Amino acid sequence: MFKKWINKLFNTSSAGTTKAGSTKSGSTKEGTVKFFNRTKGFGFINVNETDEEIFVHKSNLIDKIKKSDKVTFKIEKGDRGLTATNVKRVKK
């Protein structure tokens, strides 16, 4: 379980190689919050069009988010892989 979490955190496969996902950096995407821990300040978003999981840090939030929220965001490649930025909750 811990290894799976670390692989997700650093966006690597179980073999230790970086995922090549089809998600383009920079374009606005829609997704659903899979997990977000407010205390630790991070979580993951499922990208609607690819079902890929993207890491999100609290410093990249425009709105407060919680599990199952629908969100829009941009994807940027950082030192540790892909990360969601400019994360906004979709108003109902």
PDB file of N, CA and C in Angstrom:
ATOM      1  N   MET A   1       0.828  -1.192   0.000  1.00  0.00           N
ATOM      2  CA  MET A   1       0.000   0.000   0.000  1.00  0.00           C
ATOM      3  C   MET A   1       0.872   1.255   0.000  1.00  0.00           C
ATOM      4  N   PHE A   2       1.898   1.262   0.866  1.00  0.00           N
ATOM      5  CA  PHE A   2       2.773   2.430   0.941  1.00  0.00           C
ATOM      6  C   PHE A   2       3.506   2.647  -0.374  1.00  0.00           C
ATOM      7  N   LYS A   3       3.991   1.547  -0.980  1.00  0.00           N
ATOM      8  CA  LYS A   3       4.706   1.662  -2.256  1.00  0.00           C
ATOM      9  C   LYS A   3       3.785   2.229  -3.338  1.00  0.00           C
ATOM     10  N   LYS A   4       2.527   1.787  -3.355  1.00  0.00           N
ATOM     11  CA  LYS A   4       1.561   2.292  -4.336  1.00  0.00           C
ATOM     12  C   LYS A   4       1.355   3.794  -4.134  1.00  0.00           C
ATOM     13  N   TRP A   5       1.240   4.238  -2.886  1.00  0.00           N
ATOM     14  CA  TRP A   5       1.063   5.661  -2.587  1.00  0.00           C
ATOM     15  C   TRP A   5       2.278   6.460  -3.040  1.00  0.00           C
ATOM     16  N   ILE A   6       3.474   5.959  -2.756  1.00  0.00           N
ATOM     17  CA  ILE A   6       4.705   6.645  -3.178  1.00  0.00           C
ATOM     18  C   ILE A   6       4.766   6.727  -4.693  1.00  0.00           C
ATOM     19  N   ASN A   7       4.411   5.626  -5.381  1.00  0.00           N
ATOM     20  CA  ASN A   7       4.410   5.642  -6.845  1.00  0.00           C
ATOM     21  C   ASN A   7       3.452   6.697  -7.374  1.00  0.00           C
ATOM     22  N   LYS A   8       2.284   6.832  -6.761  1.00  0.00           N
ATOM     23  CA  LYS A   8       1.325   7.855  -7.181  1.00  0.00           C
ATOM     24  C   LYS A   8       1.867   9.248  -6.889  1.00  0.00           C
ATOM     25  N   LEU A   9       2.467   9.413  -5.723  1.00  0.00           N
ATOM     26  CA  LEU A   9       2.994  10.714  -5.330  1.00  0.00           C
ATOM     27  C   LEU A   9       4.052  11.199  -6.310  1.00  0.00           C
ATOM     28  N   PHE A  10       4.919  10.291  -6.721  1.00  0.00           N
ATOM     29  CA  PHE A  10       5.992  10.665  -7.635  1.00  0.00           C
ATOM     30  C   PHE A  10       5.663  10.341  -9.079  1.00  0.00           C
ATOM     31  N   ASN A  11       4.408   9.930  -9.343  1.00  0.00           N
ATOM     32  CA  ASN A  11       3.919   9.672 -10.697  1.00  0.00           C
ATOM     33  C   ASN A  11       4.777   8.651 -11.433  1.00  0.00           C
ATOM     34  N   THR A  12       5.062   7.523 -10.760  1.00  0.00           N
ATOM     35  CA  THR A  12       5.830   6.456 -11.388  1.00  0.00           C
ATOM     36  C   THR A  12       5.027   5.179 -11.375  1.00  0.00           C
ATOM     37  N   SER A  13       5.364   4.258 -12.257  1.00  0.00           N
ATOM     38  CA  SER A  13       4.720   2.944 -12.276  1.00  0.00           C
ATOM     39  C   SER A  13       5.393   2.066 -11.239  1.00  0.00           C
ATOM     40  N   SER A  14       4.874   0.847 -11.032  1.00  0.00           N
ATOM     41  CA  SER A  14       5.461  -0.057 -10.055  1.00  0.00           C
ATOM     42  C   SER A  14       6.865  -0.477 -10.463  1.00  0.00           C
ATOM     43  N   ALA A  15       7.201  -0.381 -11.750  1.00  0.00           N
ATOM     44  CA  ALA A  15       8.544  -0.704 -12.220  1.00  0.00           C
ATOM     45  C   ALA A  15       9.511   0.449 -11.971  1.00  0.00           C
ATOM     46  N   GLY A  16       8.986   1.598 -11.535  1.00  0.00           N
ATOM     47  CA  GLY A  16       9.823   2.736 -11.219  1.00  0.00           C
ATOM     48  C   GLY A  16      10.063   3.681 -12.379  1.00  0.00           C
ATOM     49  N   THR A  17       9.389   3.482 -13.476  1.00  0.00           N
ATOM     50  CA  THR A  17       9.562   4.372 -14.615  1.00  0.00           C
ATOM     51  C   THR A  17       8.474   5.425 -14.598  1.00  0.00           C
ATOM     52  N   THR A  18       8.777   6.584 -15.127  1.00  0.00           N
ATOM     53  CA  THR A  18       7.798   7.668 -15.158  1.00  0.00           C
ATOM     54  C   THR A  18       6.690   7.349 -16.140  1.00  0.00           C
ATOM     55  N   LYS A  19       5.458   7.604 -15.753  1.00  0.00           N
ATOM     56  CA  LYS A  19       4.313   7.396 -16.644  1.00  0.00           C
ATOM     57  C   LYS A  19       4.419   8.337 -17.823  1.00  0.00           C
ATOM     58  N   ALA A  20       4.016   7.848 -18.973  1.00  0.00           N
ATOM     59  CA  ALA A  20       4.063   8.676 -20.171  1.00  0.00           C
ATOM     60  C   ALA A  20       2.699   9.221 -20.504  1.00  0.00           C
ATOM     61  N   GLY A  21       1.705   9.059 -19.672  1.00  0.00           N
ATOM     62  CA  GLY A  21       0.316   9.442 -19.899  1.00  0.00           C
ATOM     63  C   GLY A  21       0.019  10.343 -21.075  1.00  0.00           C
ATOM     64  N   SER A  22      -1.200  10.304 -21.540  1.00  0.00           N
ATOM     65  CA  SER A  22      -1.585  11.083 -22.711  1.00  0.00           C
ATOM     66  C   SER A  22      -2.077  12.478 -22.337  1.00  0.00           C
ATOM     67  N   THR A  23      -1.974  12.858 -21.078  1.00  0.00           N
ATOM     68  CA  THR A  23      -2.458  14.153 -20.628  1.00  0.00           C
ATOM     69  C   THR A  23      -1.480  15.252 -21.029  1.00  0.00           C
ATOM     70  N   LYS A  24      -1.967  16.262 -21.738  1.00  0.00           N
ATOM     71  CA  LYS A  24      -1.130  17.384 -22.178  1.00  0.00           C
ATOM     72  C   LYS A  24      -0.962  18.388 -21.049  1.00  0.00           C
ATOM     73  N   SER A  25       0.230  18.909 -20.923  1.00  0.00           N
ATOM     74  CA  SER A  25       0.484  19.969 -19.944  1.00  0.00           C
ATOM     75  C   SER A  25      -0.104  21.285 -20.438  1.00  0.00           C
ATOM     76  N   GLY A  26      -0.562  22.113 -19.499  1.00  0.00           N
ATOM     77  CA  GLY A  26      -0.985  23.467 -19.831  1.00  0.00           C
ATOM     78  C   GLY A  26      -2.438  23.659 -20.211  1.00  0.00           C
ATOM     79  N   SER A  27      -3.093  22.672 -20.794  1.00  0.00           N
ATOM     80  CA  SER A  27      -4.485  22.852 -21.208  1.00  0.00           C
ATOM     81  C   SER A  27      -5.423  22.668 -20.017  1.00  0.00           C
ATOM     82  N   THR A  28      -6.589  23.323 -20.050  1.00  0.00           N
ATOM     83  CA  THR A  28      -7.558  23.204 -18.961  1.00  0.00           C
ATOM     84  C   THR A  28      -8.283  21.872 -19.062  1.00  0.00           C
ATOM     85  N   LYS A  29      -8.358  21.172 -17.945  1.00  0.00           N
ATOM     86  CA  LYS A  29      -8.985  19.848 -17.861  1.00  0.00           C
ATOM     87  C   LYS A  29     -10.116  19.880 -16.846  1.00  0.00           C
ATOM     88  N   GLU A  30     -10.957  18.854 -16.908  1.00  0.00           N
ATOM     89  CA  GLU A  30     -12.004  18.647 -15.911  1.00  0.00           C
ATOM     90  C   GLU A  30     -11.754  17.310 -15.245  1.00  0.00           C
ATOM     91  N   GLY A  31     -12.129  17.223 -13.975  1.00  0.00           N
ATOM     92  CA  GLY A  31     -11.927  15.977 -13.260  1.00  0.00           C
ATOM     93  C   GLY A  31     -12.720  15.938 -11.974  1.00  0.00           C
ATOM     94  N   THR A  32     -12.478  14.872 -11.211  1.00  0.00           N
ATOM     95  CA  THR A  32     -13.148  14.641  -9.939  1.00  0.00           C
ATOM     96  C   THR A  32     -12.089  14.382  -8.874  1.00  0.00           C
ATOM     97  N   VAL A  33     -12.248  15.007  -7.717  1.00  0.00           N
ATOM     98  CA  VAL A  33     -11.303  14.804  -6.623  1.00  0.00           C
ATOM     99  C   VAL A  33     -11.470  13.383  -6.097  1.00  0.00           C
ATOM    100  N   LYS A  34     -10.401  12.601  -6.178  1.00  0.00           N
ATOM    101  CA  LYS A  34     -10.430  11.226  -5.678  1.00  0.00           C
ATOM    102  C   LYS A  34     -10.154  11.206  -4.176  1.00  0.00           C
ATOM    103  N   PHE A  35      -9.236  12.068  -3.760  1.00  0.00           N
ATOM    104  CA  PHE A  35      -8.793  12.096  -2.368  1.00  0.00           C
ATOM    105  C   PHE A  35      -8.168  13.461  -2.109  1.00  0.00           C
ATOM    106  N   PHE A  36      -8.453  14.043  -0.953  1.00  0.00           N
ATOM    107  CA  PHE A  36      -7.735  15.254  -0.554  1.00  0.00           C
ATOM    108  C   PHE A  36      -7.670  15.307   0.963  1.00  0.00           C
ATOM    109  N   ASN A  37      -6.462  15.411   1.500  1.00  0.00           N
ATOM    110  CA  ASN A  37      -6.238  15.496   2.932  1.00  0.00           C
ATOM    111  C   ASN A  37      -5.896  16.944   3.272  1.00  0.00           C
ATOM    112  N   ARG A  38      -6.836  17.647   3.888  1.00  0.00           N
ATOM    113  CA  ARG A  38      -6.621  19.067   4.203  1.00  0.00           C
ATOM    114  C   ARG A  38      -5.495  19.264   5.214  1.00  0.00           C
ATOM    115  N   THR A  39      -5.361  18.328   6.151  1.00  0.00           N
ATOM    116  CA  THR A  39      -4.317  18.441   7.165  1.00  0.00           C
ATOM    117  C   THR A  39      -2.928  18.373   6.540  1.00  0.00           C
ATOM    118  N   LYS A  40      -2.737  17.418   5.640  1.00  0.00           N
ATOM    119  CA  LYS A  40      -1.434  17.254   4.987  1.00  0.00           C
ATOM    120  C   LYS A  40      -1.286  18.129   3.751  1.00  0.00           C
ATOM    121  N   GLY A  41      -2.409  18.591   3.202  1.00  0.00           N
ATOM    122  CA  GLY A  41      -2.363  19.549   2.108  1.00  0.00           C
ATOM    123  C   GLY A  41      -2.137  18.994   0.721  1.00  0.00           C
ATOM    124  N   PHE A  42      -2.510  17.740   0.502  1.00  0.00           N
ATOM    125  CA  PHE A  42      -2.362  17.184  -0.839  1.00  0.00           C
ATOM    126  C   PHE A  42      -3.437  16.148  -1.119  1.00  0.00           C
ATOM    127  N   GLY A  43      -3.540  15.769  -2.391  1.00  0.00           N
ATOM    128  CA  GLY A  43      -4.493  14.746  -2.798  1.00  0.00           C
ATOM    129  C   GLY A  43      -4.302  14.394  -4.257  1.00  0.00           C
ATOM    130  N   PHE A  44      -5.348  13.766  -4.841  1.00  0.00           N
ATOM    131  CA  PHE A  44      -5.303  13.337  -6.232  1.00  0.00           C
ATOM    132  C   PHE A  44      -6.624  13.641  -6.918  1.00  0.00           C
ATOM    133  N   ILE A  45      -6.529  13.978  -8.194  1.00  0.00           N
ATOM    134  CA  ILE A  45      -7.693  14.258  -9.029  1.00  0.00           C
ATOM    135  C   ILE A  45      -7.694  13.271 -10.182  1.00  0.00           C
ATOM    136  N   ASN A  46      -8.864  12.662 -10.476  1.00  0.00           N
ATOM    137  CA  ASN A  46      -9.011  11.824 -11.668  1.00  0.00           C
ATOM    138  C   ASN A  46      -9.364  12.725 -12.838  1.00  0.00           C
ATOM    139  N   VAL A  47      -8.571  12.661 -13.909  1.00  0.00           N
ATOM    140  CA  VAL A  47      -8.828  13.440 -15.122  1.00  0.00           C
ATOM    141  C   VAL A  47      -9.950  12.745 -15.883  1.00  0.00           C
ATOM    142  N   ASN A  48     -11.036  13.469 -16.201  1.00  0.00           N
ATOM    143  CA  ASN A  48     -12.197  12.858 -16.858  1.00  0.00           C
ATOM    144  C   ASN A  48     -11.857  12.155 -18.164  1.00  0.00           C
ATOM    145  N   GLU A  49     -11.115  12.809 -19.036  1.00  0.00           N
ATOM    146  CA  GLU A  49     -10.906  12.264 -20.376  1.00  0.00           C
ATOM    147  C   GLU A  49      -9.941  11.085 -20.429  1.00  0.00           C
ATOM    148  N   THR A  50      -9.073  10.929 -19.424  1.00  0.00           N
ATOM    149  CA  THR A  50      -8.099   9.833 -19.454  1.00  0.00           C
ATOM    150  C   THR A  50      -8.196   8.903 -18.256  1.00  0.00           C
ATOM    151  N   ASP A  51      -8.924   9.287 -17.222  1.00  0.00           N
ATOM    152  CA  ASP A  51      -9.022   8.561 -15.953  1.00  0.00           C
ATOM    153  C   ASP A  51      -7.659   8.446 -15.260  1.00  0.00           C
ATOM    154  N   GLU A  52      -6.718   9.285 -15.654  1.00  0.00           N
ATOM    155  CA  GLU A  52      -5.401   9.339 -15.035  1.00  0.00           C
ATOM    156  C   GLU A  52      -5.507  10.099 -13.720  1.00  0.00           C
ATOM    157  N   GLU A  53      -4.708   9.711 -12.729  1.00  0.00           N
ATOM    158  CA  GLU A  53      -4.677  10.413 -11.452  1.00  0.00           C
ATOM    159  C   GLU A  53      -3.557  11.443 -11.469  1.00  0.00           C
ATOM    160  N   ILE A  54      -3.897  12.668 -11.066  1.00  0.00           N
ATOM    161  CA  ILE A  54      -2.933  13.763 -11.038  1.00  0.00           C
ATOM    162  C   ILE A  54      -2.791  14.260  -9.602  1.00  0.00           C
ATOM    163  N   PHE A  55      -1.573  14.457  -9.164  1.00  0.00           N
ATOM    164  CA  PHE A  55      -1.278  14.975  -7.832  1.00  0.00           C
ATOM    165  C   PHE A  55      -1.722  16.434  -7.725  1.00  0.00           C
ATOM    166  N   VAL A  56      -2.251  16.814  -6.566  1.00  0.00           N
ATOM    167  CA  VAL A  56      -2.609  18.214  -6.320  1.00  0.00           C
ATOM    168  C   VAL A  56      -2.111  18.614  -4.927  1.00  0.00           C
ATOM    169  N   HIS A  57      -1.515  19.799  -4.847  1.00  0.00           N
ATOM    170  CA  HIS A  57      -1.045  20.343  -3.572  1.00  0.00           C
ATOM    171  C   HIS A  57      -1.895  21.560  -3.217  1.00  0.00           C
ATOM    172  N   LYS A  58      -2.075  21.790  -1.923  1.00  0.00           N
ATOM    173  CA  LYS A  58      -2.937  22.895  -1.471  1.00  0.00           C
ATOM    174  C   LYS A  58      -2.491  24.254  -2.003  1.00  0.00           C
ATOM    175  N   SER A  59      -1.222  24.415  -2.319  1.00  0.00           N
ATOM    176  CA  SER A  59      -0.739  25.700  -2.836  1.00  0.00           C
ATOM    177  C   SER A  59      -1.254  25.991  -4.244  1.00  0.00           C
ATOM    178  N   ASN A  60      -1.821  24.979  -4.909  1.00  0.00           N
ATOM    179  CA  ASN A  60      -2.346  25.145  -6.267  1.00  0.00           C
ATOM    180  C   ASN A  60      -3.868  25.235  -6.318  1.00  0.00           C
ATOM    181  N   LEU A  61      -4.507  25.417  -5.152  1.00  0.00           N
ATOM    182  CA  LEU A  61      -5.969  25.496  -5.094  1.00  0.00           C
ATOM    183  C   LEU A  61      -6.446  26.941  -5.181  1.00  0.00           C
ATOM    184  N   ILE A  62      -7.461  27.172  -6.003  1.00  0.00           N
ATOM    185  CA  ILE A  62      -8.156  28.458  -6.041  1.00  0.00           C
ATOM    186  C   ILE A  62      -9.321  28.401  -5.055  1.00  0.00           C
ATOM    187  N   ASP A  63     -10.024  27.257  -5.026  1.00  0.00           N
ATOM    188  CA  ASP A  63     -11.155  27.015  -4.117  1.00  0.00           C
ATOM    189  C   ASP A  63     -10.824  25.840  -3.202  1.00  0.00           C
ATOM    190  N   LYS A  64     -11.499  25.763  -2.048  1.00  0.00           N
ATOM    191  CA  LYS A  64     -11.383  24.588  -1.192  1.00  0.00           C
ATOM    192  C   LYS A  64     -12.011  23.406  -1.916  1.00  0.00           C
ATOM    193  N   ILE A  65     -11.406  22.228  -1.772  1.00  0.00           N
ATOM    194  CA  ILE A  65     -11.942  21.027  -2.414  1.00  0.00           C
ATOM    195  C   ILE A  65     -12.062  19.894  -1.409  1.00  0.00           C
ATOM    196  N   LYS A  66     -12.901  18.924  -1.760  1.00  0.00           N
ATOM    197  CA  LYS A  66     -13.042  17.711  -0.957  1.00  0.00           C
ATOM    198  C   LYS A  66     -13.332  16.548  -1.899  1.00  0.00           C
ATOM    199  N   LYS A  67     -13.273  15.346  -1.366  1.00  0.00           N
ATOM    200  CA  LYS A  67     -13.516  14.141  -2.156  1.00  0.00           C
ATOM    201  C   LYS A  67     -14.837  14.251  -2.918  1.00  0.00           C
ATOM    202  N   SER A  68     -14.832  13.827  -4.178  1.00  0.00           N
ATOM    203  CA  SER A  68     -15.986  13.784  -5.086  1.00  0.00           C
ATOM    204  C   SER A  68     -16.349  15.129  -5.706  1.00  0.00           C
ATOM    205  N   ASP A  69     -15.662  16.217  -5.340  1.00  0.00           N
ATOM    206  CA  ASP A  69     -15.926  17.507  -5.989  1.00  0.00           C
ATOM    207  C   ASP A  69     -15.532  17.437  -7.459  1.00  0.00           C
ATOM    208  N   LYS A  70     -16.316  18.082  -8.306  1.00  0.00           N
ATOM    209  CA  LYS A  70     -15.979  18.262  -9.721  1.00  0.00           C
ATOM    210  C   LYS A  70     -15.113  19.511  -9.797  1.00  0.00           C
ATOM    211  N   VAL A  71     -14.005  19.430 -10.534  1.00  0.00           N
ATOM    212  CA  VAL A  71     -13.067  20.546 -10.600  1.00  0.00           C
ATOM    213  C   VAL A  71     -12.560  20.777 -12.023  1.00  0.00           C
ATOM    214  N   THR A  72     -12.075  21.990 -12.263  1.00  0.00           N
ATOM    215  CA  THR A  72     -11.314  22.294 -13.476  1.00  0.00           C
ATOM    216  C   THR A  72      -9.908  22.658 -13.012  1.00  0.00           C
ATOM    217  N   PHE A  73      -8.932  22.418 -13.873  1.00  0.00           N
ATOM    218  CA  PHE A  73      -7.542  22.646 -13.490  1.00  0.00           C
ATOM    219  C   PHE A  73      -6.642  22.608 -14.716  1.00  0.00           C
ATOM    220  N   LYS A  74      -5.438  23.067 -14.530  1.00  0.00           N
ATOM    221  CA  LYS A  74      -4.400  22.954 -15.556  1.00  0.00           C
ATOM    222  C   LYS A  74      -3.390  21.932 -15.063  1.00  0.00           C
ATOM    223  N   ILE A  75      -2.672  21.333 -15.985  1.00  0.00           N
ATOM    224  CA  ILE A  75      -1.659  20.348 -15.629  1.00  0.00           C
ATOM    225  C   ILE A  75      -0.291  20.894 -16.018  1.00  0.00           C
ATOM    226  N   GLU A  76       0.624  20.821 -15.066  1.00  0.00           N
ATOM    227  CA  GLU A  76       1.999  21.243 -15.325  1.00  0.00           C
ATOM    228  C   GLU A  76       2.948  20.128 -14.925  1.00  0.00           C
ATOM    229  N   LYS A  77       4.039  20.037 -15.630  1.00  0.00           N
ATOM    230  CA  LYS A  77       5.054  19.044 -15.301  1.00  0.00           C
ATOM    231  C   LYS A  77       6.036  19.678 -14.337  1.00  0.00           C
ATOM    232  N   GLY A  78       6.177  19.059 -13.187  1.00  0.00           N
ATOM    233  CA  GLY A  78       7.108  19.549 -12.182  1.00  0.00           C
ATOM    234  C   GLY A  78       8.288  18.606 -12.039  1.00  0.00           C
ATOM    235  N   ASP A  79       9.104  18.838 -11.032  1.00  0.00           N
ATOM    236  CA  ASP A  79      10.274  17.999 -10.778  1.00  0.00           C
ATOM    237  C   ASP A  79       9.897  16.555 -10.482  1.00  0.00           C
ATOM    238  N   ARG A  80       8.727  16.355  -9.915  1.00  0.00           N
ATOM    239  CA  ARG A  80       8.304  15.009  -9.507  1.00  0.00           C
ATOM    240  C   ARG A  80       7.194  14.441 -10.377  1.00  0.00           C
ATOM    241  N   GLY A  81       6.920  15.035 -11.504  1.00  0.00           N
ATOM    242  CA  GLY A  81       5.877  14.528 -12.398  1.00  0.00           C
ATOM    243  C   GLY A  81       4.787  15.552 -12.615  1.00  0.00           C
ATOM    244  N   LEU A  82       3.645  15.066 -13.082  1.00  0.00           N
ATOM    245  CA  LEU A  82       2.527  15.960 -13.391  1.00  0.00           C
ATOM    246  C   LEU A  82       1.831  16.418 -12.122  1.00  0.00           C
ATOM    247  N   THR A  83       1.398  17.664 -12.123  1.00  0.00           N
ATOM    248  CA  THR A  83       0.709  18.249 -10.977  1.00  0.00           C
ATOM    249  C   THR A  83      -0.439  19.126 -11.452  1.00  0.00           C
ATOM    250  N   ALA A  84      -1.548  19.113 -10.713  1.00  0.00           N
ATOM    251  CA  ALA A  84      -2.697  19.966 -11.036  1.00  0.00           C
ATOM    252  C   ALA A  84      -2.453  21.356 -10.456  1.00  0.00           C
ATOM    253  N   THR A  85      -2.730  22.389 -11.277  1.00  0.00           N
ATOM    254  CA  THR A  85      -2.581  23.774 -10.827  1.00  0.00           C
ATOM    255  C   THR A  85      -3.870  24.534 -11.135  1.00  0.00           C
ATOM    256  N   ASN A  86      -4.033  25.701 -10.526  1.00  0.00           N
ATOM    257  CA  ASN A  86      -5.233  26.535 -10.740  1.00  0.00           C
ATOM    258  C   ASN A  86      -6.518  25.727 -10.571  1.00  0.00           C
ATOM    259  N   VAL A  87      -6.583  24.946  -9.510  1.00  0.00           N
ATOM    260  CA  VAL A  87      -7.717  24.045  -9.276  1.00  0.00           C
ATOM    261  C   VAL A  87      -8.917  24.837  -8.761  1.00  0.00           C
ATOM    262  N   LYS A  88     -10.025  24.741  -9.511  1.00  0.00           N
ATOM    263  CA  LYS A  88     -11.266  25.443  -9.162  1.00  0.00           C
ATOM    264  C   LYS A  88     -12.402  24.436  -9.079  1.00  0.00           C
ATOM    265  N   ARG A  89     -13.205  24.554  -8.030  1.00  0.00           N
ATOM    266  CA  ARG A  89     -14.387  23.699  -7.878  1.00  0.00           C
ATOM    267  C   ARG A  89     -15.445  24.160  -8.867  1.00  0.00           C
ATOM    268  N   VAL A  90     -16.093  23.216  -9.531  1.00  0.00           N
ATOM    269  CA  VAL A  90     -17.182  23.536 -10.462  1.00  0.00           C
ATOM    270  C   VAL A  90     -18.421  23.812  -9.630  1.00  0.00           C
ATOM    271  N   LYS A  91     -18.986  24.994  -9.802  1.00  0.00           N
ATOM    272  CA  LYS A  91     -20.190  25.379  -9.052  1.00  0.00           C
ATOM    273  C   LYS A  91     -21.378  24.579  -9.558  1.00  0.00           C
ATOM    274  N   LYS A  92     -22.218  24.136  -8.630  1.00  0.00           N
ATOM    275  CA  LYS A  92     -23.390  23.325  -8.995  1.00  0.00           C
ATOM    276  C   LYS A  92     -24.530  24.178  -9.447  1.00  0.00           C
TER     277      LYS A  92
END
